[in-house]
Structures are given as C-alpha cells and as structure tokens.
C-alpha cells in the first residue's frame, strides 16, 4: 500500500511540475510577444484588414444605391430638359452654388455658365443671352475631355448624363470612388469628376479648335461671343 501511495504522489508531483513548466513557457512566450511589439503588429494588421473589408463592402453597397442617394438634376427638371420648372430656373429667392475657381467664367448648380460680370450676388448666373446651359462647346464629345473646368461641369450636368455617371461610378474604385461617393447631388458629383479625371488630357487638339473658332469670331476673346460659331460641336453628340 505504501509503495502505491508513493507512486501516486510521484505522479501528482510530475503532473504539477509539467503544468508549472507549461505555464512558465506560455508566460515567457506572451512576454516576448508583447515586449517585442509583435502582438501590437498582429492586432494592427488584423484591424486594418477588417477595416478595409468593411470599407470595401460599404463602397460596393453605395455603388449599387448611388442612383438613390445622389440627387439628380433629371429628377428636378423632368424628362424634358427644355421644360424646366420656373421655380428651378428663376434665381430670385434662392442661392446657387457655383464652381467659384474660374478666373473669367463660372458654372452654377443649375448648369448655367456665364462670365463673372453676369454672376449675380446670390451665386447664380443671370439667365439670358449671356449665359449658356449644359454647354459642351469646348468639350471633345468622343473622349469626354474639356478645355475648361467650368465647361466640363456644365456639360456633365446635362440631365441625360445620369446613366453615364452611374456607369462611371460602377467602374471606379479606391480613393477616387470614396471621393465621388461623398457627393450628395449631381453638381457635387460633376465637380469631383471634372476635378479628378485621370483619363483626360487638356491638350492641343481642343486648343487648336478654340483658336480656329476665335479666328472665325474675329479674334474676340469673350467666351460667349463664340456661341453661334460653335453650336455644331454640341449638336447630336453626348459628353461622356
């Protein structure tokens, strides 16, 4: 009996010693992981990967619902772009956002482009012969490139551009997609699109076209004196 009892005590001691060694090993390993910064690196990377996955999922979701959470000009003006509601066109009693940065001309959030002399105090272009709406005059309608930022925004604001802009959103990814999806309406979307377009070069062909029209107009520099000389560039073709 005594030998059996001693054997049991020996087994218990060995078992305890094994547990103590295992505990010391685990403690030493954890200490090394924490002190070396390995644990922080693992946690940081895990959170980063998780955050990226969540962000990508959210962006994909917003891409699918962009047609709903972005306010489109077509929804305000109706299908007939010429038959715009008087309350929308009439600039009295409302303030307009505009492209601001243009040195000689600006485009407001209704799609009108005018020289600064015809920009009213409420930020809207004066509607009349000295303003153009949804003008694509200075844009290459095949490549979607425009020589002026203001013209790019104006052309992009055409109500029928909605489907083209939705396709652009669908094909965009990364940082640019995050910028684009921050837009709440078509005006903000067009400003972002025209400002961040990476596939457009404001090149010599458009400048050559401008020079030719200027010569036809008697070398006058006013943007709007060229309107009647350049209507053929915006007829029957779509900005993209």
C-alpha atoms as a PDB file:
ATOM      1  CA  UNK A   1       0.000   0.000   0.000  1.00  0.00           C
ATOM      2  CA  UNK A   2       2.790   2.346   0.889  1.00  0.00           C
ATOM      3  CA  UNK A   3       4.522   1.824  -2.440  1.00  0.00           C
ATOM      4  CA  UNK A   4       1.279   2.517  -4.289  1.00  0.00           C
ATOM      5  CA  UNK A   5       0.774   5.680  -2.249  1.00  0.00           C
ATOM      6  CA  UNK A   6       4.328   6.860  -3.003  1.00  0.00           C
ATOM      7  CA  UNK A   7       3.764   6.159  -6.702  1.00  0.00           C
ATOM      8  CA  UNK A   8       0.613   8.283  -6.713  1.00  0.00           C
ATOM      9  CA  UNK A   9       2.426  11.165  -5.022  1.00  0.00           C
ATOM     10  CA  UNK A  10       5.213  10.935  -7.590  1.00  0.00           C
ATOM     11  CA  UNK A  11       2.740  11.077 -10.455  1.00  0.00           C
ATOM     12  CA  UNK A  12       0.985  14.090  -8.916  1.00  0.00           C
ATOM     13  CA  UNK A  13       4.298  15.887  -8.453  1.00  0.00           C
ATOM     14  CA  UNK A  14       5.287  15.177 -12.053  1.00  0.00           C
ATOM     15  CA  UNK A  15       1.899  16.418 -13.257  1.00  0.00           C
ATOM     16  CA  UNK A  16       2.256  19.621 -11.236  1.00  0.00           C
ATOM     17  CA  UNK A  17       5.792  20.157 -12.470  1.00  0.00           C
ATOM     18  CA  UNK A  18       4.611  19.739 -16.061  1.00  0.00           C
ATOM     19  CA  UNK A  19       1.884  22.345 -15.523  1.00  0.00           C
ATOM     20  CA  UNK A  20       4.346  24.751 -13.939  1.00  0.00           C
ATOM     21  CA  UNK A  21       6.735  24.382 -16.860  1.00  0.00           C
ATOM     22  CA  UNK A  22       3.896  24.842 -19.352  1.00  0.00           C
ATOM     23  CA  UNK A  23       2.744  27.960 -17.516  1.00  0.00           C
ATOM     24  CA  UNK A  24       6.270  29.372 -17.479  1.00  0.00           C
ATOM     25  CA  UNK A  25       6.654  28.653 -21.192  1.00  0.00           C
ATOM     26  CA  UNK A  26       3.341  30.333 -22.083  1.00  0.00           C
ATOM     27  CA  UNK A  27       4.132  33.304 -19.833  1.00  0.00           C
ATOM     28  CA  UNK A  28       7.589  33.697 -21.399  1.00  0.00           C
ATOM     29  CA  UNK A  29       6.118  33.481 -24.891  1.00  0.00           C
ATOM     30  CA  UNK A  30       3.453  36.103 -24.133  1.00  0.00           C
ATOM     31  CA  UNK A  31       6.050  38.357 -22.536  1.00  0.00           C
ATOM     32  CA  UNK A  32       8.218  38.106 -25.641  1.00  0.00           C
ATOM     33  CA  UNK A  33       5.273  38.798 -27.982  1.00  0.00           C
ATOM     34  CA  UNK A  34       4.208  41.882 -26.010  1.00  0.00           C
ATOM     35  CA  UNK A  35       7.666  43.316 -25.386  1.00  0.00           C
ATOM     36  CA  UNK A  36       8.839  42.815 -28.959  1.00  0.00           C
ATOM     37  CA  UNK A  37       5.802  44.622 -30.363  1.00  0.00           C
ATOM     38  CA  UNK A  38       4.731  41.518 -32.255  1.00  0.00           C
ATOM     39  CA  UNK A  39       1.313  41.484 -30.575  1.00  0.00           C
ATOM     40  CA  UNK A  40       0.648  45.118 -31.474  1.00  0.00           C
ATOM     41  CA  UNK A  41       1.666  44.410 -35.072  1.00  0.00           C
ATOM     42  CA  UNK A  42      -0.671  41.400 -35.285  1.00  0.00           C
ATOM     43  CA  UNK A  43      -3.610  43.340 -33.809  1.00  0.00           C
ATOM     44  CA  UNK A  44      -2.980  46.369 -36.013  1.00  0.00           C
ATOM     45  CA  UNK A  45      -2.867  44.297 -39.176  1.00  0.00           C
ATOM     46  CA  UNK A  46      -5.958  42.330 -38.208  1.00  0.00           C
ATOM     47  CA  UNK A  47      -7.897  45.542 -37.578  1.00  0.00           C
ATOM     48  CA  UNK A  48      -6.577  47.078 -40.794  1.00  0.00           C
ATOM     49  CA  UNK A  49      -7.644  44.104 -42.906  1.00  0.00           C
ATOM     50  CA  UNK A  50     -11.024  44.010 -41.180  1.00  0.00           C
ATOM     51  CA  UNK A  51     -11.481  47.763 -41.686  1.00  0.00           C
ATOM     52  CA  UNK A  52     -10.569  47.524 -45.356  1.00  0.00           C
ATOM     53  CA  UNK A  53     -13.052  44.699 -45.881  1.00  0.00           C
ATOM     54  CA  UNK A  54     -15.812  46.672 -44.179  1.00  0.00           C
ATOM     55  CA  UNK A  55     -14.984  49.811 -46.172  1.00  0.00           C
ATOM     56  CA  UNK A  56     -14.960  47.906 -49.455  1.00  0.00           C
ATOM     57  CA  UNK A  57     -18.310  46.344 -48.616  1.00  0.00           C
ATOM     58  CA  UNK A  58     -19.766  49.759 -47.807  1.00  0.00           C
ATOM     59  CA  UNK A  59     -18.396  51.276 -51.016  1.00  0.00           C
ATOM     60  CA  UNK A  60     -19.836  48.418 -53.052  1.00  0.00           C
ATOM     61  CA  UNK A  61     -23.176  48.947 -51.343  1.00  0.00           C
ATOM     62  CA  UNK A  62     -23.148  52.680 -52.082  1.00  0.00           C
ATOM     63  CA  UNK A  63     -22.209  51.999 -55.691  1.00  0.00           C
ATOM     64  CA  UNK A  64     -25.373  49.939 -56.051  1.00  0.00           C
ATOM     65  CA  UNK A  65     -27.549  52.604 -54.415  1.00  0.00           C
ATOM     66  CA  UNK A  66     -25.911  55.685 -55.963  1.00  0.00           C
ATOM     67  CA  UNK A  67     -28.965  56.258 -58.145  1.00  0.00           C
ATOM     68  CA  UNK A  68     -30.973  56.791 -54.948  1.00  0.00           C
ATOM     69  CA  UNK A  69     -28.720  58.690 -52.544  1.00  0.00           C
ATOM     70  CA  UNK A  70     -27.463  61.183 -55.162  1.00  0.00           C
ATOM     71  CA  UNK A  71     -29.942  63.898 -56.134  1.00  0.00           C
ATOM     72  CA  UNK A  72     -30.034  64.010 -59.922  1.00  0.00           C
ATOM     73  CA  UNK A  73     -30.850  67.064 -61.984  1.00  0.00           C
ATOM     74  CA  UNK A  74     -33.107  64.900 -64.146  1.00  0.00           C
ATOM     75  CA  UNK A  75     -35.289  64.271 -61.091  1.00  0.00           C
ATOM     76  CA  UNK A  76     -35.672  68.034 -60.603  1.00  0.00           C
ATOM     77  CA  UNK A  77     -36.252  69.058 -64.200  1.00  0.00           C
ATOM     78  CA  UNK A  78     -38.231  66.103 -65.531  1.00  0.00           C
ATOM     79  CA  UNK A  79     -37.552  64.228 -68.724  1.00  0.00           C
ATOM     80  CA  UNK A  80     -37.815  67.278 -70.975  1.00  0.00           C
ATOM     81  CA  UNK A  81     -34.671  69.280 -70.288  1.00  0.00           C
ATOM     82  CA  UNK A  82     -36.075  72.333 -72.082  1.00  0.00           C
ATOM     83  CA  UNK A  83     -39.241  72.415 -69.990  1.00  0.00           C
ATOM     84  CA  UNK A  84     -37.634  73.229 -66.662  1.00  0.00           C
ATOM     85  CA  UNK A  85     -39.816  74.330 -63.761  1.00  0.00           C
ATOM     86  CA  UNK A  86     -39.940  78.096 -63.348  1.00  0.00           C
ATOM     87  CA  UNK A  87     -39.099  77.722 -59.666  1.00  0.00           C
ATOM     88  CA  UNK A  88     -35.897  75.908 -60.593  1.00  0.00           C
ATOM     89  CA  UNK A  89     -34.723  78.318 -63.305  1.00  0.00           C
ATOM     90  CA  UNK A  90     -35.785  81.505 -61.573  1.00  0.00           C
ATOM     91  CA  UNK A  91     -32.815  82.544 -59.472  1.00  0.00           C
ATOM     92  CA  UNK A  92     -34.776  85.024 -57.365  1.00  0.00           C
ATOM     93  CA  UNK A  93     -35.196  83.888 -53.791  1.00  0.00           C
ATOM     94  CA  UNK A  94     -32.622  81.106 -53.997  1.00  0.00           C
ATOM     95  CA  UNK A  95     -28.878  80.869 -53.690  1.00  0.00           C
ATOM     96  CA  UNK A  96     -26.763  78.928 -56.152  1.00  0.00           C
ATOM     97  CA  UNK A  97     -23.557  77.067 -55.626  1.00  0.00           C
ATOM     98  CA  UNK A  98     -21.020  77.572 -58.350  1.00  0.00           C
ATOM     99  CA  UNK A  99     -17.573  76.434 -59.417  1.00  0.00           C
ATOM    100  CA  UNK A 100     -16.023  79.556 -57.812  1.00  0.00           C
ATOM    101  CA  UNK A 101     -12.491  78.991 -59.076  1.00  0.00           C
ATOM    102  CA  UNK A 102     -12.978  80.170 -62.676  1.00  0.00           C
ATOM    103  CA  UNK A 103     -10.959  83.279 -63.411  1.00  0.00           C
ATOM    104  CA  UNK A 104     -13.248  84.570 -66.175  1.00  0.00           C
ATOM    105  CA  UNK A 105     -16.324  82.310 -66.059  1.00  0.00           C
ATOM    106  CA  UNK A 106     -18.246  80.130 -63.624  1.00  0.00           C
ATOM    107  CA  UNK A 107     -20.893  77.401 -63.784  1.00  0.00           C
ATOM    108  CA  UNK A 108     -23.732  77.311 -61.260  1.00  0.00           C
ATOM    109  CA  UNK A 109     -25.545  74.273 -59.888  1.00  0.00           C
ATOM    110  CA  UNK A 110     -28.340  74.642 -62.468  1.00  0.00           C
ATOM    111  CA  UNK A 111     -25.887  74.064 -65.311  1.00  0.00           C
ATOM    112  CA  UNK A 112     -25.587  77.682 -66.483  1.00  0.00           C
ATOM    113  CA  UNK A 113     -22.164  79.022 -67.429  1.00  0.00           C
ATOM    114  CA  UNK A 114     -21.572  82.766 -67.520  1.00  0.00           C
ATOM    115  CA  UNK A 115     -18.807  85.312 -67.367  1.00  0.00           C
ATOM    116  CA  UNK A 116     -18.135  86.714 -63.920  1.00  0.00           C
ATOM    117  CA  UNK A 117     -19.683  90.026 -64.965  1.00  0.00           C
ATOM    118  CA  UNK A 118     -23.054  88.232 -65.215  1.00  0.00           C
ATOM    119  CA  UNK A 119     -22.753  86.334 -61.930  1.00  0.00           C
ATOM    120  CA  UNK A 120     -25.366  87.663 -59.506  1.00  0.00           C
ATOM    121  CA  UNK A 121     -24.871  88.250 -55.794  1.00  0.00           C
ATOM    122  CA  UNK A 122     -26.729  85.035 -54.907  1.00  0.00           C
ATOM    123  CA  UNK A 123     -24.161  82.959 -56.794  1.00  0.00           C
ATOM    124  CA  UNK A 124     -26.423  82.266 -59.788  1.00  0.00           C
ATOM    125  CA  UNK A 125     -25.642  83.093 -63.389  1.00  0.00           C
ATOM    126  CA  UNK A 126     -28.024  85.622 -64.888  1.00  0.00           C
ATOM    127  CA  UNK A 127     -30.303  83.713 -67.258  1.00  0.00           C
ATOM    128  CA  UNK A 128     -30.260  85.287 -70.701  1.00  0.00           C
ATOM    129  CA  UNK A 129     -28.253  85.656 -73.861  1.00  0.00           C
ATOM    130  CA  UNK A 130     -25.027  85.984 -71.874  1.00  0.00           C
ATOM    131  CA  UNK A 131     -25.292  82.541 -70.296  1.00  0.00           C
ATOM    132  CA  UNK A 132     -25.165  79.022 -71.711  1.00  0.00           C
ATOM    133  CA  UNK A 133     -26.785  75.991 -70.156  1.00  0.00           C
ATOM    134  CA  UNK A 134     -25.424  72.438 -70.342  1.00  0.00           C
ATOM    135  CA  UNK A 135     -22.842  73.656 -72.833  1.00  0.00           C
ATOM    136  CA  UNK A 136     -20.425  71.130 -74.325  1.00  0.00           C
ATOM    137  CA  UNK A 137     -18.896  73.629 -76.762  1.00  0.00           C
ATOM    138  CA  UNK A 138     -15.317  73.264 -75.548  1.00  0.00           C
ATOM    139  CA  UNK A 139     -15.507  69.531 -74.909  1.00  0.00           C
ATOM    140  CA  UNK A 140     -14.301  66.712 -77.092  1.00  0.00           C
ATOM    141  CA  UNK A 141     -17.503  64.722 -77.098  1.00  0.00           C
ATOM    142  CA  UNK A 142     -15.747  61.488 -78.064  1.00  0.00           C
ATOM    143  CA  UNK A 143     -13.179  61.437 -75.261  1.00  0.00           C
ATOM    144  CA  UNK A 144     -15.145  63.427 -72.685  1.00  0.00           C
ATOM    145  CA  UNK A 145     -12.281  65.906 -72.288  1.00  0.00           C
ATOM    146  CA  UNK A 146     -12.962  69.619 -71.926  1.00  0.00           C
ATOM    147  CA  UNK A 147     -10.565  72.517 -72.163  1.00  0.00           C
ATOM    148  CA  UNK A 148     -12.218  74.363 -69.270  1.00  0.00           C
ATOM    149  CA  UNK A 149     -13.233  73.055 -65.877  1.00  0.00           C
ATOM    150  CA  UNK A 150     -16.427  75.140 -65.938  1.00  0.00           C
ATOM    151  CA  UNK A 151     -17.429  73.695 -69.306  1.00  0.00           C
ATOM    152  CA  UNK A 152     -16.768  70.185 -68.058  1.00  0.00           C
ATOM    153  CA  UNK A 153     -19.127  70.733 -65.117  1.00  0.00           C
ATOM    154  CA  UNK A 154     -21.813  72.337 -67.298  1.00  0.00           C
ATOM    155  CA  UNK A 155     -21.715  69.521 -69.851  1.00  0.00           C
ATOM    156  CA  UNK A 156     -21.697  66.892 -67.101  1.00  0.00           C
ATOM    157  CA  UNK A 157     -24.824  68.444 -65.555  1.00  0.00           C
ATOM    158  CA  UNK A 158     -26.990  67.616 -68.557  1.00  0.00           C
ATOM    159  CA  UNK A 159     -29.865  65.546 -67.110  1.00  0.00           C
ATOM    160  CA  UNK A 160     -29.340  62.789 -69.671  1.00  0.00           C
ATOM    161  CA  UNK A 161     -25.834  62.247 -68.264  1.00  0.00           C
ATOM    162  CA  UNK A 162     -27.295  60.347 -65.286  1.00  0.00           C
ATOM    163  CA  UNK A 163     -26.836  56.861 -66.737  1.00  0.00           C
ATOM    164  CA  UNK A 164     -23.317  57.694 -67.951  1.00  0.00           C
ATOM    165  CA  UNK A 165     -22.359  58.954 -64.489  1.00  0.00           C
ATOM    166  CA  UNK A 166     -23.791  55.822 -62.867  1.00  0.00           C
ATOM    167  CA  UNK A 167     -21.656  53.691 -65.183  1.00  0.00           C
ATOM    168  CA  UNK A 168     -18.627  55.796 -64.231  1.00  0.00           C
ATOM    169  CA  UNK A 169     -19.317  55.181 -60.532  1.00  0.00           C
ATOM    170  CA  UNK A 170     -19.694  51.458 -61.177  1.00  0.00           C
ATOM    171  CA  UNK A 171     -16.294  51.276 -62.885  1.00  0.00           C
ATOM    172  CA  UNK A 172     -14.464  53.412 -60.288  1.00  0.00           C
ATOM    173  CA  UNK A 173     -12.646  52.079 -57.234  1.00  0.00           C
ATOM    174  CA  UNK A 174     -10.234  53.062 -54.496  1.00  0.00           C
ATOM    175  CA  UNK A 175      -9.624  56.606 -53.278  1.00  0.00           C
ATOM    176  CA  UNK A 176     -11.387  58.227 -56.224  1.00  0.00           C
ATOM    177  CA  UNK A 177     -14.527  56.202 -55.541  1.00  0.00           C
ATOM    178  CA  UNK A 178     -14.517  57.402 -51.925  1.00  0.00           C
ATOM    179  CA  UNK A 179     -14.330  60.991 -53.191  1.00  0.00           C
ATOM    180  CA  UNK A 180     -17.077  60.526 -55.754  1.00  0.00           C
ATOM    181  CA  UNK A 181     -19.448  58.815 -53.326  1.00  0.00           C
ATOM    182  CA  UNK A 182     -19.153  61.786 -50.956  1.00  0.00           C
ATOM    183  CA  UNK A 183     -21.276  63.769 -53.436  1.00  0.00           C
ATOM    184  CA  UNK A 184     -24.888  64.386 -52.450  1.00  0.00           C
ATOM    185  CA  UNK A 185     -26.123  65.658 -55.813  1.00  0.00           C
ATOM    186  CA  UNK A 186     -25.173  65.788 -59.489  1.00  0.00           C
ATOM    187  CA  UNK A 187     -23.462  69.177 -59.176  1.00  0.00           C
ATOM    188  CA  UNK A 188     -21.071  67.938 -56.492  1.00  0.00           C
ATOM    189  CA  UNK A 189     -20.535  64.732 -58.448  1.00  0.00           C
ATOM    190  CA  UNK A 190     -19.694  66.627 -61.632  1.00  0.00           C
ATOM    191  CA  UNK A 191     -17.280  68.933 -59.821  1.00  0.00           C
ATOM    192  CA  UNK A 192     -15.455  65.923 -58.380  1.00  0.00           C
ATOM    193  CA  UNK A 193     -15.480  64.086 -61.697  1.00  0.00           C
ATOM    194  CA  UNK A 194     -14.097  67.046 -63.633  1.00  0.00           C
ATOM    195  CA  UNK A 195     -11.514  67.836 -60.963  1.00  0.00           C
ATOM    196  CA  UNK A 196     -10.186  64.294 -60.535  1.00  0.00           C
ATOM    197  CA  UNK A 197     -10.486  62.935 -64.065  1.00  0.00           C
ATOM    198  CA  UNK A 198      -7.348  60.877 -64.672  1.00  0.00           C
ATOM    199  CA  UNK A 199      -8.037  59.816 -68.242  1.00  0.00           C
ATOM    200  CA  UNK A 200      -8.384  63.271 -69.756  1.00  0.00           C
ATOM    201  CA  UNK A 201      -5.639  65.448 -71.156  1.00  0.00           C
ATOM    202  CA  UNK A 202      -6.486  69.053 -71.865  1.00  0.00           C
ATOM    203  CA  UNK A 203      -4.431  69.004 -74.990  1.00  0.00           C
ATOM    204  CA  UNK A 204      -3.530  70.613 -78.259  1.00  0.00           C
ATOM    205  CA  UNK A 205      -6.480  69.364 -80.297  1.00  0.00           C
ATOM    206  CA  UNK A 206      -9.043  71.243 -78.208  1.00  0.00           C
ATOM    207  CA  UNK A 207      -6.830  74.326 -78.070  1.00  0.00           C
ATOM    208  CA  UNK A 208      -6.492  74.213 -81.863  1.00  0.00           C
ATOM    209  CA  UNK A 209     -10.278  74.021 -82.165  1.00  0.00           C
ATOM    210  CA  UNK A 210     -10.645  77.043 -79.869  1.00  0.00           C
ATOM    211  CA  UNK A 211      -8.136  79.044 -81.905  1.00  0.00           C
ATOM    212  CA  UNK A 212      -9.988  78.266 -85.126  1.00  0.00           C
ATOM    213  CA  UNK A 213     -13.304  79.428 -83.659  1.00  0.00           C
ATOM    214  CA  UNK A 214     -11.690  82.556 -82.240  1.00  0.00           C
ATOM    215  CA  UNK A 215     -10.391  83.447 -85.683  1.00  0.00           C
ATOM    216  CA  UNK A 216     -13.855  82.921 -87.154  1.00  0.00           C
ATOM    217  CA  UNK A 217     -15.289  85.181 -84.452  1.00  0.00           C
ATOM    218  CA  UNK A 218     -12.868  87.976 -85.279  1.00  0.00           C
ATOM    219  CA  UNK A 219     -10.296  87.086 -82.585  1.00  0.00           C
ATOM    220  CA  UNK A 220     -12.586  88.323 -79.798  1.00  0.00           C
ATOM    221  CA  UNK A 221     -11.665  86.720 -76.503  1.00  0.00           C
ATOM    222  CA  UNK A 222     -15.110  86.744 -74.901  1.00  0.00           C
ATOM    223  CA  UNK A 223     -16.255  83.201 -74.313  1.00  0.00           C
ATOM    224  CA  UNK A 224     -19.888  83.891 -75.121  1.00  0.00           C
ATOM    225  CA  UNK A 225     -19.344  85.824 -78.347  1.00  0.00           C
ATOM    226  CA  UNK A 226     -18.397  82.439 -79.805  1.00  0.00           C
ATOM    227  CA  UNK A 227     -21.732  80.798 -79.092  1.00  0.00           C
ATOM    228  CA  UNK A 228     -23.221  80.996 -82.582  1.00  0.00           C
ATOM    229  CA  UNK A 229     -19.932  79.891 -84.169  1.00  0.00           C
ATOM    230  CA  UNK A 230     -19.659  76.728 -82.122  1.00  0.00           C
ATOM    231  CA  UNK A 231     -23.142  75.220 -81.925  1.00  0.00           C
ATOM    232  CA  UNK A 232     -22.113  72.448 -84.309  1.00  0.00           C
ATOM    233  CA  UNK A 233     -19.778  70.980 -81.689  1.00  0.00           C
ATOM    234  CA  UNK A 234     -22.610  70.313 -79.244  1.00  0.00           C
ATOM    235  CA  UNK A 235     -25.311  69.028 -81.590  1.00  0.00           C
ATOM    236  CA  UNK A 236     -26.362  65.390 -81.521  1.00  0.00           C
ATOM    237  CA  UNK A 237     -23.386  64.096 -79.519  1.00  0.00           C
ATOM    238  CA  UNK A 238     -23.003  63.234 -75.880  1.00  0.00           C
ATOM    239  CA  UNK A 239     -20.370  64.121 -73.326  1.00  0.00           C
ATOM    240  CA  UNK A 240     -19.069  61.036 -71.526  1.00  0.00           C
END
